[in-house]
Each structure stands twice: as C-alpha cells, then as structure tokens.
Amino acid sequence: MSAATDGTLDADAEYTEYVRSRMTVWRRTAYLMCGDWDRGDDVVQRTMTELYRKWPKARRADNLDALVRTMLLRRMLDERRLGWFRVRLTTELPDRAAPAGSDPDDRVTLMAALRGLAPGQRAVLVLRFFQDLTVEETADALACSPGTVKSQTSKALATLRRSLTVKAGAR
C-alpha cells in the first residue's frame, strides 16, 4: 500500500496547513511567556515536533487549539525547570522593528515587568489576556482550578501595577 492510499500524505498536508494557520499566534504566545523571541521559537519548535509525532491521535481531539496551547505551555515550563532559559549565546540583542504606533520604552518596561513575574503568573496573564481564554479554559490549560487562575491573575496584575508604578515614577 502506498503512502498516497493510506492517508499519510493527507495527514501531512493537514498537519502542515494547521501549523501554518496558527504559527504566528503560537510564536507570540511563546514570546510573551518566555520574554525572548529565540527561546519562544525553540519552545514552539519543540511543541511542533511533538505535535507531529502525535498528529494521528491529536488531529481527532475535540479542541485541537487547546491541546496545542497546553503542549506549548508545558514545553515552556519544562525549559524553565531544566535551566536552559539561562543560556545566552550572544551578548547583543538582535534588532527588531517596533510595531507601528507603539512606544518602545513602554514595551521594554512592560516586558521587563512581565519577566519579573513567576512563570505560572505570566502564563495566566498570557492565556487570559493575550489568548483571550476564559477562566475555565485557562484552568484547563494549566491543569489547575478556576480559583487558582483567579488568584494568580489578581496577584500577577497587582505585581505588574506595583512594578509599572515604580518605573513610571522613576522616569
């Protein structure tokens, strides 16, 4: 039986189309969780490799986006636990164009404040406010209770407010 008749080519094409349609959002999510584009890309790459290996089963999931979001979050947390997030290969940051209409100083300040949060709190904020998930969806993605999501969101926002107030006063 050839690959064309057993569905392998169709599955590969389906996987490729799915990944292409979601890659931009996954990269931004990983960046917001990691605070670094290169590390975020590494997390996304590891997630896509795992997704490809599990694609025959994963493609039948009730909510594939939620499954991938959970995989992405777990890869990011694994990376932090393993210590690779501390590795710096260069001493210079690459130049990146700022989005139109944004103040680069505000962006730097906000990213620094996000990096100051605990990984779980940062993940809650990214899922709730960037991915626009409900409390329940965030709880499912993080494998915790809705109450934990609410308390972590409250603590993270309070920490961000304090951090941003201090930095705004220093300007």
Protein backbone atom coordinates (compact mmCIF):
# COMPACT_ATOMS: atom_id res chain seq x y z
CA MET A 1 0.00 0.00 0.00
CA SER A 2 1.47 3.37 -0.96
CA ALA A 3 1.57 6.47 1.23
CA ALA A 4 -0.94 8.15 -1.07
CA THR A 5 -3.53 5.46 -0.48
CA ASP A 6 -3.07 5.00 3.26
CA GLY A 7 -3.74 8.64 4.11
CA THR A 8 -0.20 9.62 5.19
CA LEU A 9 0.08 12.36 2.60
CA ASP A 10 -3.33 13.71 3.54
CA ALA A 11 -2.36 13.72 7.24
CA ASP A 12 0.92 15.51 6.49
CA ALA A 13 -0.87 18.12 4.40
CA GLU A 14 -3.48 18.57 7.12
CA TYR A 15 -0.73 18.97 9.76
CA THR A 16 1.14 21.48 7.58
CA GLU A 17 -1.96 23.56 6.95
CA TYR A 18 -2.92 23.55 10.63
CA VAL A 19 0.56 24.65 11.75
CA ARG A 20 0.79 27.38 9.10
CA SER A 21 -2.55 28.82 10.14
CA ARG A 22 -1.61 29.07 13.83
CA MET A 23 2.16 29.69 13.83
CA THR A 24 2.01 33.47 14.30
CA VAL A 25 -0.19 33.21 17.38
CA TRP A 26 1.94 30.43 18.87
CA ARG A 27 5.13 32.41 18.35
CA ARG A 28 3.66 35.50 20.03
CA THR A 29 2.30 33.42 22.89
CA ALA A 30 5.65 31.70 23.43
CA TYR A 31 7.44 35.07 23.28
CA LEU A 32 5.12 36.54 25.89
CA MET A 33 5.57 33.52 28.14
CA CYS A 34 9.37 33.35 27.73
CA GLY A 35 10.16 37.03 27.24
CA ASP A 36 12.56 36.17 24.41
CA TRP A 37 11.87 35.55 20.72
CA ASP A 38 14.62 32.97 20.27
CA ARG A 39 13.64 30.92 23.32
CA GLY A 40 10.00 31.26 22.30
CA ASP A 41 10.84 29.92 18.84
CA ASP A 42 12.67 26.98 20.43
CA VAL A 43 9.62 26.19 22.56
CA VAL A 44 7.34 26.39 19.52
CA GLN A 45 9.71 24.14 17.53
CA ARG A 46 9.74 21.50 20.27
CA THR A 47 5.95 21.70 20.51
CA MET A 48 5.50 21.31 16.75
CA THR A 49 7.84 18.31 16.72
CA GLU A 50 5.85 16.66 19.49
CA LEU A 51 2.58 17.54 17.75
CA TYR A 52 3.80 15.97 14.51
CA ARG A 53 4.72 12.74 16.32
CA LYS A 54 1.25 12.65 17.92
CA TRP A 55 -0.66 14.03 14.92
CA PRO A 56 -2.66 10.89 14.06
CA LYS A 57 -4.24 10.98 17.52
CA ALA A 58 -4.09 14.75 18.11
CA ARG A 59 -5.98 15.63 14.94
CA ARG A 60 -9.03 13.85 16.36
CA ALA A 61 -9.04 15.99 19.55
CA ASP A 62 -12.26 17.83 20.40
CA ASN A 63 -10.35 21.10 20.80
CA LEU A 64 -7.02 20.88 18.97
CA ASP A 65 -6.11 24.50 19.73
CA ALA A 66 -6.49 23.88 23.47
CA LEU A 67 -4.37 20.73 23.21
CA VAL A 68 -1.56 22.59 21.42
CA ARG A 69 -1.78 25.53 23.83
CA THR A 70 -1.33 23.10 26.73
CA MET A 71 1.60 21.40 24.95
CA LEU A 72 3.21 24.81 24.35
CA LEU A 73 2.79 25.82 27.98
CA ARG A 74 4.23 22.53 29.22
CA ARG A 75 7.28 22.86 26.94
CA MET A 76 7.90 26.37 28.25
CA LEU A 77 7.64 25.23 31.86
CA ASP A 78 9.89 22.23 31.12
CA GLU A 79 12.50 24.56 29.68
CA ARG A 80 12.43 26.70 32.80
CA ARG A 81 12.72 23.65 35.07
CA LEU A 82 15.67 22.30 33.08
CA GLY A 83 17.55 25.60 33.33
CA TRP A 84 18.08 26.20 29.61
CA PHE A 85 16.33 29.55 29.87
CA ARG A 86 19.51 30.94 31.49
CA VAL A 87 21.71 30.14 28.48
CA ARG A 88 22.70 33.19 26.46
CA LEU A 89 24.57 32.56 23.24
CA THR A 90 25.24 36.20 22.35
CA THR A 91 25.89 39.39 24.23
CA GLU A 92 23.96 41.56 21.78
CA LEU A 93 20.24 41.55 21.23
CA PRO A 94 19.09 41.42 17.60
CA ASP A 95 17.44 44.50 16.19
CA ARG A 96 13.68 44.13 15.98
CA ALA A 97 11.32 46.64 14.46
CA ALA A 98 8.75 48.02 16.87
CA PRO A 99 5.09 47.76 15.87
CA ALA A 100 3.69 50.94 14.36
CA GLY A 101 2.21 53.32 16.89
CA SER A 102 3.86 51.79 19.93
CA ASP A 103 6.26 53.46 22.33
CA PRO A 104 9.43 51.33 22.54
CA ASP A 105 10.09 52.50 26.10
CA ASP A 106 6.64 51.34 27.22
CA ARG A 107 7.15 47.97 25.54
CA VAL A 108 10.55 47.46 27.19
CA THR A 109 9.12 48.46 30.55
CA LEU A 110 6.14 46.10 30.20
CA MET A 111 8.29 43.17 29.05
CA ALA A 112 10.66 43.70 31.98
CA ALA A 113 7.70 43.74 34.35
CA LEU A 114 6.32 40.52 32.78
CA ARG A 115 9.72 38.84 33.15
CA GLY A 116 9.61 39.76 36.83
CA LEU A 117 6.53 37.59 37.36
CA ALA A 118 6.66 33.96 38.36
CA PRO A 119 6.30 31.67 35.30
CA GLY A 120 2.84 30.49 36.36
CA GLN A 121 1.58 34.04 36.86
CA ARG A 122 3.00 35.09 33.49
CA ALA A 123 1.33 32.07 31.85
CA VAL A 124 -2.03 33.00 33.42
CA LEU A 125 -1.82 36.57 32.11
CA VAL A 126 -0.77 35.49 28.62
CA LEU A 127 -3.54 32.92 28.37
CA ARG A 128 -6.22 35.18 29.84
CA PHE A 129 -5.38 38.47 28.15
CA PHE A 130 -3.37 37.62 25.03
CA GLN A 131 -5.08 34.35 24.10
CA ASP A 132 -8.39 35.73 25.44
CA LEU A 133 -9.26 32.49 27.22
CA THR A 134 -11.92 32.28 29.88
CA VAL A 135 -11.03 31.48 33.47
CA GLU A 136 -12.22 27.91 32.93
CA GLU A 137 -10.25 27.45 29.69
CA THR A 138 -7.13 28.83 31.37
CA ALA A 139 -7.64 26.47 34.31
CA ASP A 140 -7.92 23.53 31.90
CA ALA A 141 -4.76 24.57 30.05
CA LEU A 142 -2.82 24.94 33.30
CA ALA A 143 -4.37 21.87 34.95
CA CYS A 144 -5.48 23.87 37.99
CA SER A 145 -8.72 25.14 39.48
CA PRO A 146 -10.55 28.28 38.30
CA GLY A 147 -9.96 29.73 41.76
CA THR A 148 -6.21 29.36 41.28
CA VAL A 149 -6.45 31.14 37.93
CA LYS A 150 -8.37 34.00 39.54
CA SER A 151 -5.97 34.36 42.47
CA GLN A 152 -2.88 34.12 40.24
CA THR A 153 -4.36 36.70 37.87
CA SER A 154 -5.07 39.06 40.76
CA LYS A 155 -1.58 38.63 42.23
CA ALA A 156 0.12 39.00 38.85
CA LEU A 157 -1.81 42.17 37.98
CA ALA A 158 -1.05 43.65 41.40
CA THR A 159 2.64 42.89 40.94
CA LEU A 160 2.59 44.42 37.45
CA ARG A 161 0.85 47.55 38.74
CA ARG A 162 3.42 47.98 41.51
CA SER A 163 6.30 47.39 39.14
CA LEU A 164 4.96 49.75 36.49
CA THR A 165 4.11 52.45 39.04
CA VAL A 166 7.66 52.34 40.41
CA LYS A 167 9.16 52.52 36.91
CA ALA A 168 6.80 55.34 35.85
CA GLY A 169 7.82 57.33 38.93
CA ALA A 170 11.50 56.84 38.06
CA ARG A 171 11.09 58.45 34.60
